[in-house]
Amino acid sequence: MILVDSSVWIDFFNQHHSPANLKLIELLQDGTVTVGVADLVVFEVLRGFRNDQALLQAQDFLLDLPTVEIGGIANALRAAEHDRALRA
């Protein structure tokens, strides 16, 4: 399994074509390697969304991937929600 860093996911969701993002897209399309995400990376990525619909789409996408638990996915989702609310 390849765990992808938050900076690459942020580029992915913002459609920035960095070399790392292009490799991620290749890995996702190829399917021969499992791409995963750490729960704290889910927090780091989701906290930056301003649009609720885009947030939900990204959340669904990320939660469909294998998740490595560091602090707990429920904690990561709750922390992202709190962070977004405090910045609103």
Protein backbone atom coordinates (compact mmCIF):
# COMPACT_ATOMS: atom_id res chain seq x y z
CA MET A 1 0.00 0.00 0.00
CA ILE A 2 1.15 3.53 -0.78
CA LEU A 3 0.08 6.18 1.73
CA VAL A 4 -0.31 9.56 0.06
CA ASP A 5 0.59 12.80 1.84
CA SER A 6 -1.92 15.60 2.33
CA SER A 7 -0.06 17.96 -0.02
CA VAL A 8 -0.55 15.52 -2.89
CA TRP A 9 -4.25 15.06 -2.10
CA ILE A 10 -4.69 18.83 -1.93
CA ASP A 11 -3.13 19.14 -5.40
CA PHE A 12 -5.36 16.27 -6.55
CA PHE A 13 -8.58 17.93 -5.41
CA ASN A 14 -7.46 21.34 -6.69
CA GLN A 15 -6.51 19.75 -10.03
CA HIS A 16 -2.93 21.04 -9.87
CA HIS A 17 -0.74 18.96 -12.13
CA SER A 18 2.33 18.58 -9.93
CA PRO A 19 4.58 15.59 -10.63
CA ALA A 20 3.38 13.89 -7.43
CA ASN A 21 -0.27 14.45 -8.34
CA LEU A 22 0.27 13.07 -11.84
CA LYS A 23 1.83 9.96 -10.28
CA LEU A 24 -1.14 9.64 -7.90
CA ILE A 25 -3.57 9.83 -10.82
CA GLU A 26 -1.54 7.16 -12.62
CA LEU A 27 -1.62 4.89 -9.55
CA LEU A 28 -5.36 5.36 -9.06
CA GLN A 29 -6.09 4.58 -12.71
CA ASP A 30 -3.66 1.66 -12.90
CA GLY A 31 -5.08 -0.16 -9.89
CA THR A 32 -2.11 -2.50 -9.46
CA VAL A 33 -1.02 -0.75 -6.26
CA THR A 34 -3.32 -0.01 -3.34
CA VAL A 35 -3.48 3.70 -2.55
CA GLY A 36 -4.34 4.50 1.04
CA VAL A 37 -4.71 7.46 3.34
CA ALA A 38 -3.92 8.07 7.00
CA ASP A 39 -6.80 9.41 9.08
CA LEU A 40 -4.82 12.52 10.03
CA VAL A 41 -4.26 13.21 6.33
CA VAL A 42 -8.04 13.08 5.88
CA PHE A 43 -8.27 15.84 8.50
CA GLU A 44 -5.55 17.93 6.86
CA VAL A 45 -7.21 17.68 3.45
CA LEU A 46 -10.84 18.20 4.49
CA ARG A 47 -10.14 21.19 6.72
CA GLY A 48 -9.23 23.26 3.66
CA PHE A 49 -12.50 22.91 1.77
CA ARG A 50 -14.68 26.00 1.63
CA ASN A 51 -17.52 24.47 -0.38
CA ASP A 52 -19.72 21.93 1.45
CA GLN A 53 -20.55 19.91 -1.68
CA ALA A 54 -16.89 19.63 -2.68
CA LEU A 55 -16.06 18.66 0.90
CA LEU A 56 -18.59 15.83 0.89
CA GLN A 57 -17.36 14.55 -2.48
CA ALA A 58 -13.75 14.57 -1.28
CA GLN A 59 -14.73 12.94 2.01
CA ASP A 60 -16.60 10.15 0.21
CA PHE A 61 -13.64 9.62 -2.13
CA LEU A 62 -11.08 9.48 0.68
CA LEU A 63 -13.19 7.23 2.90
CA ASP A 64 -13.51 4.72 0.06
CA LEU A 65 -9.74 4.21 0.26
CA PRO A 66 -8.05 1.98 2.80
CA THR A 67 -7.47 4.12 5.88
CA VAL A 68 -4.55 3.76 8.28
CA GLU A 69 -5.62 4.73 11.76
CA ILE A 70 -3.35 7.07 13.68
CA GLY A 71 -5.75 9.11 15.78
CA GLY A 72 -9.05 7.61 14.66
CA ILE A 73 -11.10 8.51 11.59
CA ALA A 74 -14.02 9.79 13.69
CA ASN A 75 -11.65 12.19 15.46
CA ALA A 76 -10.18 13.33 12.15
CA LEU A 77 -13.62 14.03 10.64
CA ARG A 78 -14.77 15.86 13.77
CA ALA A 79 -11.57 17.93 13.89
CA ALA A 80 -11.99 18.96 10.24
CA GLU A 81 -15.59 19.98 10.93
CA HIS A 82 -14.56 22.05 13.96
CA ASP A 83 -11.69 23.69 12.08
CA ARG A 84 -13.95 24.70 9.18
CA ALA A 85 -16.58 26.06 11.59
CA LEU A 86 -14.03 28.17 13.44
CA ARG A 87 -12.82 29.71 10.18
CA ALA A 88 -16.33 30.48 8.92
